[in-house]
Structures are given as structure tokens and as C-alpha cells.
Amino acid sequence: MNFIERLKFIRQYTNSSQEEFAKTLGISQKTISYWEQGRNEPQIETLRVLSDKFGINLHWLITGKGEFLVEKEEILSLEGLKEKYNLTNEELKLLNELLTSPEKRKALLNLLK
């Protein structure tokens, strides 16, 4: 399945017309039509919105590899965590440090014991 076929598949999967699909993504119906004709390609940010709105695996959307749908509880980014849990920038920075530093995680766990 090529990229155009994957886009059409998602639209069919969501049972959306081009107009409905475009409205959900905040773009024009003409843009969807151009994508499906291969006249234009969406920007990565638009693909991320599509992935987030419909629970589509971004890697699958771009490459055709992997699973079609994202696991419901799978979090793809720190920004997703920030939105989901209404984190401040300071909390997000701390979370990033904990995720990227095994030493800091271990120290925090020892402190909490």
C-alpha cells in the first residue's frame, strides 16, 4: 500500500468524506483531494495531527511499516504528556530528566523509599 492508498484507507476507516476529514484536520477539502491525487503531500505537522486525532501510528502512515493503530495508552511524546496531564514547563523538564537519566531515576526511587 503506498502513501496515497494509506491516506484513502484512513479516510474510509473513519467513514469520513473528504470534507469531513478535512474539517477534522483543520484544512480544506481541496487539500485532501490534492493529497489523494498525488498532487501535493502533507507536511509532517499535519500528519502528526492526523495521527493524534484518529489514533493512527505515524510510522505506519509515513512508511507503511508497523501497526496501523496506536495502542490507546501509548504516549508518543513529552508534549503529549504535558497536554494529557496539564504539566508545567518545569514539571516537563523534570520528567524529561528522569526519563533520560537512569541515575536520577534510581536516586529518586531511593529517596521515595
PDB file of N, CA and C in Angstrom:
ATOM      1  N   MET A   1       0.864  -1.173   0.000  1.00  0.00           N
ATOM      2  CA  MET A   1       0.000   0.000   0.000  1.00  0.00           C
ATOM      3  C   MET A   1       0.912   1.237   0.000  1.00  0.00           C
ATOM      4  N   ASN A   2       0.705   2.122  -0.961  1.00  0.00           N
ATOM      5  CA  ASN A   2       1.518   3.340  -0.994  1.00  0.00           C
ATOM      6  C   ASN A   2       0.884   4.429  -0.116  1.00  0.00           C
ATOM      7  N   PHE A   3       1.571   5.564  -0.027  1.00  0.00           N
ATOM      8  CA  PHE A   3       1.131   6.638   0.862  1.00  0.00           C
ATOM      9  C   PHE A   3      -0.290   7.118   0.532  1.00  0.00           C
ATOM     10  N   ILE A   4      -0.573   7.313  -0.740  1.00  0.00           N
ATOM     11  CA  ILE A   4      -1.905   7.780  -1.155  1.00  0.00           C
ATOM     12  C   ILE A   4      -2.970   6.757  -0.742  1.00  0.00           C
ATOM     13  N   GLU A   5      -2.678   5.492  -0.940  1.00  0.00           N
ATOM     14  CA  GLU A   5      -3.619   4.438  -0.549  1.00  0.00           C
ATOM     15  C   GLU A   5      -3.827   4.418   0.965  1.00  0.00           C
ATOM     16  N   ARG A   6      -2.752   4.683   1.721  1.00  0.00           N
ATOM     17  CA  ARG A   6      -2.893   4.722   3.181  1.00  0.00           C
ATOM     18  C   ARG A   6      -3.789   5.888   3.604  1.00  0.00           C
ATOM     19  N   LEU A   7      -3.620   7.040   2.972  1.00  0.00           N
ATOM     20  CA  LEU A   7      -4.489   8.186   3.287  1.00  0.00           C
ATOM     21  C   LEU A   7      -5.953   7.857   3.003  1.00  0.00           C
ATOM     22  N   LYS A   8      -6.211   7.283   1.842  1.00  0.00           N
ATOM     23  CA  LYS A   8      -7.585   6.913   1.489  1.00  0.00           C
ATOM     24  C   LYS A   8      -8.128   5.862   2.453  1.00  0.00           C
ATOM     25  N   PHE A   9      -7.266   4.915   2.834  1.00  0.00           N
ATOM     26  CA  PHE A   9      -7.669   3.870   3.768  1.00  0.00           C
ATOM     27  C   PHE A   9      -8.100   4.477   5.103  1.00  0.00           C
ATOM     28  N   ILE A  10      -7.334   5.447   5.596  1.00  0.00           N
ATOM     29  CA  ILE A  10      -7.676   6.100   6.869  1.00  0.00           C
ATOM     30  C   ILE A  10      -9.014   6.810   6.751  1.00  0.00           C
ATOM     31  N   ARG A  11      -9.217   7.500   5.646  1.00  0.00           N
ATOM     32  CA  ARG A  11     -10.478   8.216   5.465  1.00  0.00           C
ATOM     33  C   ARG A  11     -11.648   7.233   5.414  1.00  0.00           C
ATOM     34  N   GLN A  12     -11.456   6.113   4.736  1.00  0.00           N
ATOM     35  CA  GLN A  12     -12.504   5.087   4.687  1.00  0.00           C
ATOM     36  C   GLN A  12     -12.700   4.455   6.062  1.00  0.00           C
ATOM     37  N   TYR A  13     -11.604   4.200   6.766  1.00  0.00           N
ATOM     38  CA  TYR A  13     -11.663   3.612   8.106  1.00  0.00           C
ATOM     39  C   TYR A  13     -12.469   4.499   9.050  1.00  0.00           C
ATOM     40  N   THR A  14     -12.299   5.815   8.903  1.00  0.00           N
ATOM     41  CA  THR A  14     -13.020   6.762   9.760  1.00  0.00           C
ATOM     42  C   THR A  14     -14.403   7.088   9.208  1.00  0.00           C
ATOM     43  N   ASN A  15     -14.737   6.480   8.065  1.00  0.00           N
ATOM     44  CA  ASN A  15     -16.034   6.695   7.433  1.00  0.00           C
ATOM     45  C   ASN A  15     -16.308   8.179   7.215  1.00  0.00           C
ATOM     46  N   SER A  16     -15.286   8.881   6.708  1.00  0.00           N
ATOM     47  CA  SER A  16     -15.381  10.332   6.504  1.00  0.00           C
ATOM     48  C   SER A  16     -15.339  10.679   5.027  1.00  0.00           C
ATOM     49  N   SER A  17     -16.122  11.671   4.656  1.00  0.00           N
ATOM     50  CA  SER A  17     -15.983  12.251   3.327  1.00  0.00           C
ATOM     51  C   SER A  17     -14.712  13.094   3.325  1.00  0.00           C
ATOM     52  N   GLN A  18     -14.274  13.517   2.153  1.00  0.00           N
ATOM     53  CA  GLN A  18     -13.111  14.407   2.098  1.00  0.00           C
ATOM     54  C   GLN A  18     -13.373  15.670   2.910  1.00  0.00           C
ATOM     55  N   GLU A  19     -14.579  16.182   2.812  1.00  0.00           N
ATOM     56  CA  GLU A  19     -14.938  17.410   3.530  1.00  0.00           C
ATOM     57  C   GLU A  19     -14.884  17.209   5.050  1.00  0.00           C
ATOM     58  N   GLU A  20     -15.455  16.109   5.529  1.00  0.00           N
ATOM     59  CA  GLU A  20     -15.441  15.826   6.973  1.00  0.00           C
ATOM     60  C   GLU A  20     -14.016  15.598   7.475  1.00  0.00           C
ATOM     61  N   PHE A  21     -13.251  14.854   6.697  1.00  0.00           N
ATOM     62  CA  PHE A  21     -11.867  14.552   7.047  1.00  0.00           C
ATOM     63  C   PHE A  21     -11.054  15.846   7.135  1.00  0.00           C
ATOM     64  N   ALA A  22     -11.238  16.709   6.151  1.00  0.00           N
ATOM     65  CA  ALA A  22     -10.526  17.988   6.122  1.00  0.00           C
ATOM     66  C   ALA A  22     -10.896  18.852   7.320  1.00  0.00           C
ATOM     67  N   LYS A  23     -12.174  18.901   7.643  1.00  0.00           N
ATOM     68  CA  LYS A  23     -12.632  19.710   8.776  1.00  0.00           C
ATOM     69  C   LYS A  23     -11.991  19.232  10.075  1.00  0.00           C
ATOM     70  N   THR A  24     -11.915  17.928  10.263  1.00  0.00           N
ATOM     71  CA  THR A  24     -11.292  17.367  11.462  1.00  0.00           C
ATOM     72  C   THR A  24      -9.829  17.780  11.564  1.00  0.00           C
ATOM     73  N   LEU A  25      -9.147  17.866  10.420  1.00  0.00           N
ATOM     74  CA  LEU A  25      -7.725  18.222  10.402  1.00  0.00           C
ATOM     75  C   LEU A  25      -7.489  19.725  10.327  1.00  0.00           C
ATOM     76  N   GLY A  26      -8.555  20.493  10.135  1.00  0.00           N
ATOM     77  CA  GLY A  26      -8.417  21.944  10.062  1.00  0.00           C
ATOM     78  C   GLY A  26      -7.819  22.431   8.752  1.00  0.00           C
ATOM     79  N   ILE A  27      -8.126  21.711   7.679  1.00  0.00           N
ATOM     80  CA  ILE A  27      -7.629  22.088   6.351  1.00  0.00           C
ATOM     81  C   ILE A  27      -8.793  22.057   5.363  1.00  0.00           C
ATOM     82  N   SER A  28      -8.524  22.417   4.115  1.00  0.00           N
ATOM     83  CA  SER A  28      -9.599  22.456   3.121  1.00  0.00           C
ATOM     84  C   SER A  28      -9.811  21.087   2.465  1.00  0.00           C
ATOM     85  N   GLN A  29     -11.012  20.903   1.945  1.00  0.00           N
ATOM     86  CA  GLN A  29     -11.339  19.674   1.220  1.00  0.00           C
ATOM     87  C   GLN A  29     -10.459  19.555  -0.015  1.00  0.00           C
ATOM     88  N   LYS A  30     -10.146  20.681  -0.624  1.00  0.00           N
ATOM     89  CA  LYS A  30      -9.302  20.692  -1.818  1.00  0.00           C
ATOM     90  C   LYS A  30      -7.921  20.111  -1.504  1.00  0.00           C
ATOM     91  N   THR A  31      -7.414  20.422  -0.318  1.00  0.00           N
ATOM     92  CA  THR A  31      -6.112  19.893   0.098  1.00  0.00           C
ATOM     93  C   THR A  31      -6.151  18.375   0.172  1.00  0.00           C
ATOM     94  N   ILE A  32      -7.210  17.828   0.767  1.00  0.00           N
ATOM     95  CA  ILE A  32      -7.367  16.368   0.844  1.00  0.00           C
ATOM     96  C   ILE A  32      -7.419  15.781  -0.561  1.00  0.00           C
ATOM     97  N   SER A  33      -8.176  16.408  -1.419  1.00  0.00           N
ATOM     98  CA  SER A  33      -8.294  15.947  -2.797  1.00  0.00           C
ATOM     99  C   SER A  33      -6.928  15.924  -3.483  1.00  0.00           C
ATOM    100  N   TYR A  34      -6.149  16.973  -3.314  1.00  0.00           N
ATOM    101  CA  TYR A  34      -4.811  17.038  -3.914  1.00  0.00           C
ATOM    102  C   TYR A  34      -3.899  15.940  -3.365  1.00  0.00           C
ATOM    103  N   TRP A  35      -4.002  15.663  -2.068  1.00  0.00           N
ATOM    104  CA  TRP A  35      -3.193  14.582  -1.484  1.00  0.00           C
ATOM    105  C   TRP A  35      -3.559  13.256  -2.130  1.00  0.00           C
ATOM    106  N   GLU A  36      -4.866  13.010  -2.226  1.00  0.00           N
ATOM    107  CA  GLU A  36      -5.330  11.726  -2.744  1.00  0.00           C
ATOM    108  C   GLU A  36      -5.056  11.567  -4.237  1.00  0.00           C
ATOM    109  N   GLN A  37      -4.841  12.669  -4.931  1.00  0.00           N
ATOM    110  CA  GLN A  37      -4.472  12.627  -6.344  1.00  0.00           C
ATOM    111  C   GLN A  37      -2.956  12.582  -6.528  1.00  0.00           C
ATOM    112  N   GLY A  38      -2.219  12.761  -5.431  1.00  0.00           N
ATOM    113  CA  GLY A  38      -0.764  12.788  -5.513  1.00  0.00           C
ATOM    114  C   GLY A  38      -0.208  14.110  -6.006  1.00  0.00           C
ATOM    115  N   ARG A  39      -1.035  15.148  -6.025  1.00  0.00           N
ATOM    116  CA  ARG A  39      -0.597  16.470  -6.498  1.00  0.00           C
ATOM    117  C   ARG A  39       0.205  17.217  -5.443  1.00  0.00           C
ATOM    118  N   ASN A  40      -0.096  16.973  -4.185  1.00  0.00           N
ATOM    119  CA  ASN A  40       0.610  17.579  -3.049  1.00  0.00           C
ATOM    120  C   ASN A  40       0.813  16.513  -1.993  1.00  0.00           C
ATOM    121  N   GLU A  41       1.745  16.791  -1.071  1.00  0.00           N
ATOM    122  CA  GLU A  41       1.945  15.914   0.077  1.00  0.00           C
ATOM    123  C   GLU A  41       1.778  16.729   1.348  1.00  0.00           C
ATOM    124  N   PRO A  42       1.211  16.125   2.372  1.00  0.00           N
ATOM    125  CA  PRO A  42       1.026  16.854   3.633  1.00  0.00           C
ATOM    126  C   PRO A  42       2.353  17.086   4.348  1.00  0.00           C
ATOM    127  N   GLN A  43       2.389  18.153   5.136  1.00  0.00           N
ATOM    128  CA  GLN A  43       3.556  18.422   5.965  1.00  0.00           C
ATOM    129  C   GLN A  43       3.522  17.494   7.168  1.00  0.00           C
ATOM    130  N   ILE A  44       4.680  17.269   7.766  1.00  0.00           N
ATOM    131  CA  ILE A  44       4.784  16.343   8.896  1.00  0.00           C
ATOM    132  C   ILE A  44       3.880  16.763  10.052  1.00  0.00           C
ATOM    133  N   GLU A  45       3.741  18.058  10.298  1.00  0.00           N
ATOM    134  CA  GLU A  45       2.871  18.510  11.391  1.00  0.00           C
ATOM    135  C   GLU A  45       1.423  18.111  11.141  1.00  0.00           C
ATOM    136  N   THR A  46       0.993  18.169   9.901  1.00  0.00           N
ATOM    137  CA  THR A  46      -0.368  17.757   9.567  1.00  0.00           C
ATOM    138  C   THR A  46      -0.528  16.254   9.762  1.00  0.00           C
ATOM    139  N   LEU A  47       0.504  15.502   9.418  1.00  0.00           N
ATOM    140  CA  LEU A  47       0.454  14.052   9.634  1.00  0.00           C
ATOM    141  C   LEU A  47       0.396  13.729  11.123  1.00  0.00           C
ATOM    142  N   ARG A  48       1.086  14.522  11.930  1.00  0.00           N
ATOM    143  CA  ARG A  48       1.025  14.314  13.385  1.00  0.00           C
ATOM    144  C   ARG A  48      -0.384  14.579  13.911  1.00  0.00           C
ATOM    145  N   VAL A  49      -1.011  15.624  13.401  1.00  0.00           N
ATOM    146  CA  VAL A  49      -2.387  15.925  13.812  1.00  0.00           C
ATOM    147  C   VAL A  49      -3.295  14.761  13.419  1.00  0.00           C
ATOM    148  N   LEU A  50      -3.145  14.279  12.197  1.00  0.00           N
ATOM    149  CA  LEU A  50      -3.945  13.151  11.721  1.00  0.00           C
ATOM    150  C   LEU A  50      -3.724  11.937  12.627  1.00  0.00           C
ATOM    151  N   SER A  51      -2.481  11.668  12.949  1.00  0.00           N
ATOM    152  CA  SER A  51      -2.139  10.546  13.822  1.00  0.00           C
ATOM    153  C   SER A  51      -2.800  10.690  15.187  1.00  0.00           C
ATOM    154  N   ASP A  52      -2.701  11.878  15.773  1.00  0.00           N
ATOM    155  CA  ASP A  52      -3.277  12.123  17.099  1.00  0.00           C
ATOM    156  C   ASP A  52      -4.799  12.048  17.094  1.00  0.00           C
ATOM    157  N   LYS A  53      -5.421  12.664  16.098  1.00  0.00           N
ATOM    158  CA  LYS A  53      -6.890  12.721  16.052  1.00  0.00           C
ATOM    159  C   LYS A  53      -7.526  11.343  15.888  1.00  0.00           C
ATOM    160  N   PHE A  54      -6.887  10.482  15.090  1.00  0.00           N
ATOM    161  CA  PHE A  54      -7.504   9.202  14.756  1.00  0.00           C
ATOM    162  C   PHE A  54      -6.806   7.998  15.380  1.00  0.00           C
ATOM    163  N   GLY A  55      -5.740   8.227  16.154  1.00  0.00           N
ATOM    164  CA  GLY A  55      -5.029   7.118  16.787  1.00  0.00           C
ATOM    165  C   GLY A  55      -4.253   6.259  15.803  1.00  0.00           C
ATOM    166  N   ILE A  56      -3.786   6.887  14.729  1.00  0.00           N
ATOM    167  CA  ILE A  56      -3.044   6.180  13.689  1.00  0.00           C
ATOM    168  C   ILE A  56      -1.555   6.203  14.031  1.00  0.00           C
ATOM    169  N   ASN A  57      -0.881   5.098  13.815  1.00  0.00           N
ATOM    170  CA  ASN A  57       0.559   5.012  14.019  1.00  0.00           C
ATOM    171  C   ASN A  57       1.254   5.876  12.967  1.00  0.00           C
ATOM    172  N   LEU A  58       1.958   6.918  13.405  1.00  0.00           N
ATOM    173  CA  LEU A  58       2.615   7.846  12.483  1.00  0.00           C
ATOM    174  C   LEU A  58       3.647   7.124  11.619  1.00  0.00           C
ATOM    175  N   HIS A  59       4.377   6.194  12.204  1.00  0.00           N
ATOM    176  CA  HIS A  59       5.380   5.437  11.436  1.00  0.00           C
ATOM    177  C   HIS A  59       4.704   4.651  10.311  1.00  0.00           C
ATOM    178  N   TRP A  60       3.571   4.014  10.614  1.00  0.00           N
ATOM    179  CA  TRP A  60       2.825   3.285   9.582  1.00  0.00           C
ATOM    180  C   TRP A  60       2.344   4.243   8.502  1.00  0.00           C
ATOM    181  N   LEU A  61       1.827   5.380   8.913  1.00  0.00           N
ATOM    182  CA  LEU A  61       1.296   6.347   7.958  1.00  0.00           C
ATOM    183  C   LEU A  61       2.368   6.783   6.962  1.00  0.00           C
ATOM    184  N   ILE A  62       3.565   7.044   7.461  1.00  0.00           N
ATOM    185  CA  ILE A  62       4.642   7.541   6.605  1.00  0.00           C
ATOM    186  C   ILE A  62       5.288   6.428   5.787  1.00  0.00           C
ATOM    187  N   THR A  63       5.535   5.275   6.421  1.00  0.00           N
ATOM    188  CA  THR A  63       6.319   4.224   5.760  1.00  0.00           C
ATOM    189  C   THR A  63       5.520   3.001   5.327  1.00  0.00           C
ATOM    190  N   GLY A  64       4.361   2.802   5.940  1.00  0.00           N
ATOM    191  CA  GLY A  64       3.596   1.589   5.678  1.00  0.00           C
ATOM    192  C   GLY A  64       4.048   0.420   6.534  1.00  0.00           C
ATOM    193  N   LYS A  65       5.006   0.665   7.430  1.00  0.00           N
ATOM    194  CA  LYS A  65       5.545  -0.403   8.285  1.00  0.00           C
ATOM    195  C   LYS A  65       5.004  -0.271   9.696  1.00  0.00           C
ATOM    196  N   GLY A  66       4.823  -1.415  10.349  1.00  0.00           N
ATOM    197  CA  GLY A  66       4.330  -1.408  11.716  1.00  0.00           C
ATOM    198  C   GLY A  66       2.822  -1.567  11.756  1.00  0.00           C
ATOM    199  N   GLU A  67       2.281  -1.362  12.931  1.00  0.00           N
ATOM    200  CA  GLU A  67       0.843  -1.495  13.149  1.00  0.00           C
ATOM    201  C   GLU A  67       0.104  -0.248  12.664  1.00  0.00           C
ATOM    202  N   PHE A  68      -1.095  -0.435  12.194  1.00  0.00           N
ATOM    203  CA  PHE A  68      -1.936   0.660  11.701  1.00  0.00           C
ATOM    204  C   PHE A  68      -2.363   1.597  12.828  1.00  0.00           C
ATOM    205  N   LEU A  69      -2.824   1.030  13.927  1.00  0.00           N
ATOM    206  CA  LEU A  69      -3.326   1.834  15.042  1.00  0.00           C
ATOM    207  C   LEU A  69      -2.319   1.877  16.183  1.00  0.00           C
ATOM    208  N   VAL A  70      -2.346   2.971  16.915  1.00  0.00           N
ATOM    209  CA  VAL A  70      -1.516   3.140  18.099  1.00  0.00           C
ATOM    210  C   VAL A  70      -2.273   2.552  19.278  1.00  0.00           C
ATOM    211  N   GLU A  71      -1.554   1.911  20.184  1.00  0.00           N
ATOM    212  CA  GLU A  71      -2.186   1.432  21.410  1.00  0.00           C
ATOM    213  C   GLU A  71      -2.802   2.621  22.129  1.00  0.00           C
ATOM    214  N   LYS A  72      -3.971   2.453  22.685  1.00  0.00           N
ATOM    215  CA  LYS A  72      -4.688   3.562  23.312  1.00  0.00           C
ATOM    216  C   LYS A  72      -3.881   4.260  24.391  1.00  0.00           C
ATOM    217  N   GLU A  73      -3.129   3.530  25.189  1.00  0.00           N
ATOM    218  CA  GLU A  73      -2.383   4.137  26.284  1.00  0.00           C
ATOM    219  C   GLU A  73      -0.964   4.532  25.894  1.00  0.00           C
ATOM    220  N   GLU A  74      -0.581   4.293  24.635  1.00  0.00           N
ATOM    221  CA  GLU A  74       0.770   4.638  24.216  1.00  0.00           C
ATOM    222  C   GLU A  74       0.904   6.159  24.125  1.00  0.00           C
ATOM    223  N   ILE A  75       1.933   6.695  24.761  1.00  0.00           N
ATOM    224  CA  ILE A  75       2.195   8.130  24.715  1.00  0.00           C
ATOM    225  C   ILE A  75       3.393   8.325  23.805  1.00  0.00           C
ATOM    226  N   LEU A  76       3.250   9.173  22.801  1.00  0.00           N
ATOM    227  CA  LEU A  76       4.297   9.304  21.806  1.00  0.00           C
ATOM    228  C   LEU A  76       5.302  10.410  22.089  1.00  0.00           C
ATOM    229  N   SER A  77       4.981  11.351  22.947  1.00  0.00           N
ATOM    230  CA  SER A  77       5.894  12.470  23.140  1.00  0.00           C
ATOM    231  C   SER A  77       5.705  13.106  24.502  1.00  0.00           C
ATOM    232  N   LEU A  78       6.713  13.872  24.905  1.00  0.00           N
ATOM    233  CA  LEU A  78       6.594  14.628  26.149  1.00  0.00           C
ATOM    234  C   LEU A  78       5.487  15.670  26.031  1.00  0.00           C
ATOM    235  N   GLU A  79       5.335  16.247  24.846  1.00  0.00           N
ATOM    236  CA  GLU A  79       4.268  17.233  24.645  1.00  0.00           C
ATOM    237  C   GLU A  79       2.899  16.585  24.853  1.00  0.00           C
ATOM    238  N   GLY A  80       2.774  15.331  24.437  1.00  0.00           N
ATOM    239  CA  GLY A  80       1.527  14.603  24.671  1.00  0.00           C
ATOM    240  C   GLY A  80       1.260  14.419  26.151  1.00  0.00           C
ATOM    241  N   LEU A  81       2.317  14.118  26.911  1.00  0.00           N
ATOM    242  CA  LEU A  81       2.182  14.002  28.364  1.00  0.00           C
ATOM    243  C   LEU A  81       1.806  15.340  28.980  1.00  0.00           C
ATOM    244  N   LYS A  82       2.443  16.396  28.489  1.00  0.00           N
ATOM    245  CA  LYS A  82       2.174  17.742  29.016  1.00  0.00           C
ATOM    246  C   LYS A  82       0.699  18.083  28.863  1.00  0.00           C
ATOM    247  N   GLU A  83       0.166  17.820  27.676  1.00  0.00           N
ATOM    248  CA  GLU A  83      -1.251  18.108  27.424  1.00  0.00           C
ATOM    249  C   GLU A  83      -2.162  17.210  28.250  1.00  0.00           C
ATOM    250  N   LYS A  84      -1.863  15.911  28.239  1.00  0.00           N
ATOM    251  CA  LYS A  84      -2.733  14.946  28.911  1.00  0.00           C
ATOM    252  C   LYS A  84      -2.822  15.199  30.410  1.00  0.00           C
ATOM    253  N   TYR A  85      -1.694  15.560  31.029  1.00  0.00           N
ATOM    254  CA  TYR A  85      -1.655  15.728  32.479  1.00  0.00           C
ATOM    255  C   TYR A  85      -1.524  17.183  32.918  1.00  0.00           C
ATOM    256  N   ASN A  86      -1.660  18.118  31.973  1.00  0.00           N
ATOM    257  CA  ASN A  86      -1.611  19.548  32.268  1.00  0.00           C
ATOM    258  C   ASN A  86      -0.347  19.905  33.064  1.00  0.00           C
ATOM    259  N   LEU A  87       0.805  19.461  32.568  1.00  0.00           N
ATOM    260  CA  LEU A  87       2.075  19.698  33.242  1.00  0.00           C
ATOM    261  C   LEU A  87       2.612  21.091  32.939  1.00  0.00           C
ATOM    262  N   THR A  88       3.310  21.653  33.905  1.00  0.00           N
ATOM    263  CA  THR A  88       4.000  22.928  33.681  1.00  0.00           C
ATOM    264  C   THR A  88       5.299  22.634  32.939  1.00  0.00           C
ATOM    265  N   ASN A  89       5.934  23.684  32.428  1.00  0.00           N
ATOM    266  CA  ASN A  89       7.218  23.503  31.753  1.00  0.00           C
ATOM    267  C   ASN A  89       8.268  22.945  32.712  1.00  0.00           C
ATOM    268  N   GLU A  90       8.220  23.391  33.963  1.00  0.00           N
ATOM    269  CA  GLU A  90       9.170  22.902  34.967  1.00  0.00           C
ATOM    270  C   GLU A  90       8.964  21.408  35.230  1.00  0.00           C
ATOM    271  N   GLU A  91       7.705  20.992  35.343  1.00  0.00           N
ATOM    272  CA  GLU A  91       7.405  19.574  35.551  1.00  0.00           C
ATOM    273  C   GLU A  91       7.836  18.742  34.343  1.00  0.00           C
ATOM    274  N   LEU A  92       7.621  19.294  33.157  1.00  0.00           N
ATOM    275  CA  LEU A  92       8.004  18.600  31.936  1.00  0.00           C
ATOM    276  C   LEU A  92       9.520  18.432  31.864  1.00  0.00           C
ATOM    277  N   LYS A  93      10.249  19.467  32.255  1.00  0.00           N
ATOM    278  CA  LYS A  93      11.714  19.400  32.263  1.00  0.00           C
ATOM    279  C   LYS A  93      12.184  18.321  33.237  1.00  0.00           C
ATOM    280  N   LEU A  94      11.591  18.287  34.420  1.00  0.00           N
ATOM    281  CA  LEU A  94      11.942  17.279  35.421  1.00  0.00           C
ATOM    282  C   LEU A  94      11.638  15.872  34.898  1.00  0.00           C
ATOM    283  N   LEU A  95      10.482  15.711  34.289  1.00  0.00           N
ATOM    284  CA  LEU A  95      10.105  14.414  33.730  1.00  0.00           C
ATOM    285  C   LEU A  95      11.098  13.975  32.661  1.00  0.00           C
ATOM    286  N   ASN A  96      11.489  14.896  31.802  1.00  0.00           N
ATOM    287  CA  ASN A  96      12.467  14.595  30.759  1.00  0.00           C
ATOM    288  C   ASN A  96      13.788  14.142  31.374  1.00  0.00           C
ATOM    289  N   GLU A  97      14.224  14.830  32.423  1.00  0.00           N
ATOM    290  CA  GLU A  97      15.468  14.450  33.103  1.00  0.00           C
ATOM    291  C   GLU A  97      15.358  13.054  33.701  1.00  0.00           C
ATOM    292  N   LEU A  98      14.212  12.741  34.289  1.00  0.00           N
ATOM    293  CA  LEU A  98      14.018  11.410  34.873  1.00  0.00           C
ATOM    294  C   LEU A  98      13.995  10.319  33.800  1.00  0.00           C
ATOM    295  N   LEU A  99      13.382  10.628  32.670  1.00  0.00           N
ATOM    296  CA  LEU A  99      13.290   9.642  31.599  1.00  0.00           C
ATOM    297  C   LEU A  99      14.631   9.387  30.928  1.00  0.00           C
ATOM    298  N   THR A 100      15.472  10.400  30.881  1.00  0.00           N
ATOM    299  CA  THR A 100      16.737  10.270  30.159  1.00  0.00           C
ATOM    300  C   THR A 100      17.927   9.951  31.049  1.00  0.00           C
ATOM    301  N   SER A 101      17.727   9.919  32.359  1.00  0.00           N
ATOM    302  CA  SER A 101      18.844   9.670  33.272  1.00  0.00           C
ATOM    303  C   SER A 101      18.525   8.531  34.245  1.00  0.00           C
ATOM    304  N   PRO A 102      19.068   7.344  33.981  1.00  0.00           N
ATOM    305  CA  PRO A 102      18.844   6.229  34.908  1.00  0.00           C
ATOM    306  C   PRO A 102      19.335   6.539  36.325  1.00  0.00           C
ATOM    307  N   GLU A 103      20.417   7.308  36.424  1.00  0.00           N
ATOM    308  CA  GLU A 103      20.953   7.661  37.743  1.00  0.00           C
ATOM    309  C   GLU A 103      19.951   8.498  38.533  1.00  0.00           C
ATOM    310  N   LYS A 104      19.334   9.459  37.882  1.00  0.00           N
ATOM    311  CA  LYS A 104      18.359  10.319  38.560  1.00  0.00           C
ATOM    312  C   LYS A 104      17.114   9.525  38.957  1.00  0.00           C
ATOM    313  N   ARG A 105      16.699   8.597  38.104  1.00  0.00           N
ATOM    314  CA  ARG A 105      15.547   7.749  38.452  1.00  0.00           C
ATOM    315  C   ARG A 105      15.853   6.918  39.688  1.00  0.00           C
ATOM    316  N   LYS A 106      17.040   6.332  39.703  1.00  0.00           N
ATOM    317  CA  LYS A 106      17.437   5.500  40.841  1.00  0.00           C
ATOM    318  C   LYS A 106      17.507   6.336  42.116  1.00  0.00           C
ATOM    319  N   ALA A 107      18.076   7.540  42.017  1.00  0.00           N
ATOM    320  CA  ALA A 107      18.176   8.420  43.182  1.00  0.00           C
ATOM    321  C   ALA A 107      16.787   8.790  43.696  1.00  0.00           C
ATOM    322  N   LEU A 108      15.862   9.095  42.793  1.00  0.00           N
ATOM    323  CA  LEU A 108      14.502   9.447  43.197  1.00  0.00           C
ATOM    324  C   LEU A 108      13.813   8.260  43.873  1.00  0.00           C
ATOM    325  N   LEU A 109      13.969   7.078  43.306  1.00  0.00           N
ATOM    326  CA  LEU A 109      13.365   5.888  43.911  1.00  0.00           C
ATOM    327  C   LEU A 109      13.927   5.633  45.304  1.00  0.00           C
ATOM    328  N   ASN A 110      15.227   5.810  45.466  1.00  0.00           N
ATOM    329  CA  ASN A 110      15.842   5.639  46.789  1.00  0.00           C
ATOM    330  C   ASN A 110      15.308   6.669  47.772  1.00  0.00           C
ATOM    331  N   LEU A 111      15.119   7.889  47.321  1.00  0.00           N
ATOM    332  CA  LEU A 111      14.589   8.959  48.162  1.00  0.00           C
ATOM    333  C   LEU A 111      13.155   8.656  48.600  1.00  0.00           C
ATOM    334  N   LEU A 112      12.379   8.081  47.706  1.00  0.00           N
ATOM    335  CA  LEU A 112      10.975   7.797  47.997  1.00  0.00           C
ATOM    336  C   LEU A 112      10.775   6.581  48.903  1.00  0.00           C
ATOM    337  N   LYS A 113      11.785   5.749  49.036  1.00  0.00           N
ATOM    338  CA  LYS A 113      11.658   4.532  49.867  1.00  0.00           C
ATOM    339  C   LYS A 113      11.648   4.830  51.330  1.00  0.00           C
TER     340      LYS A 113
END
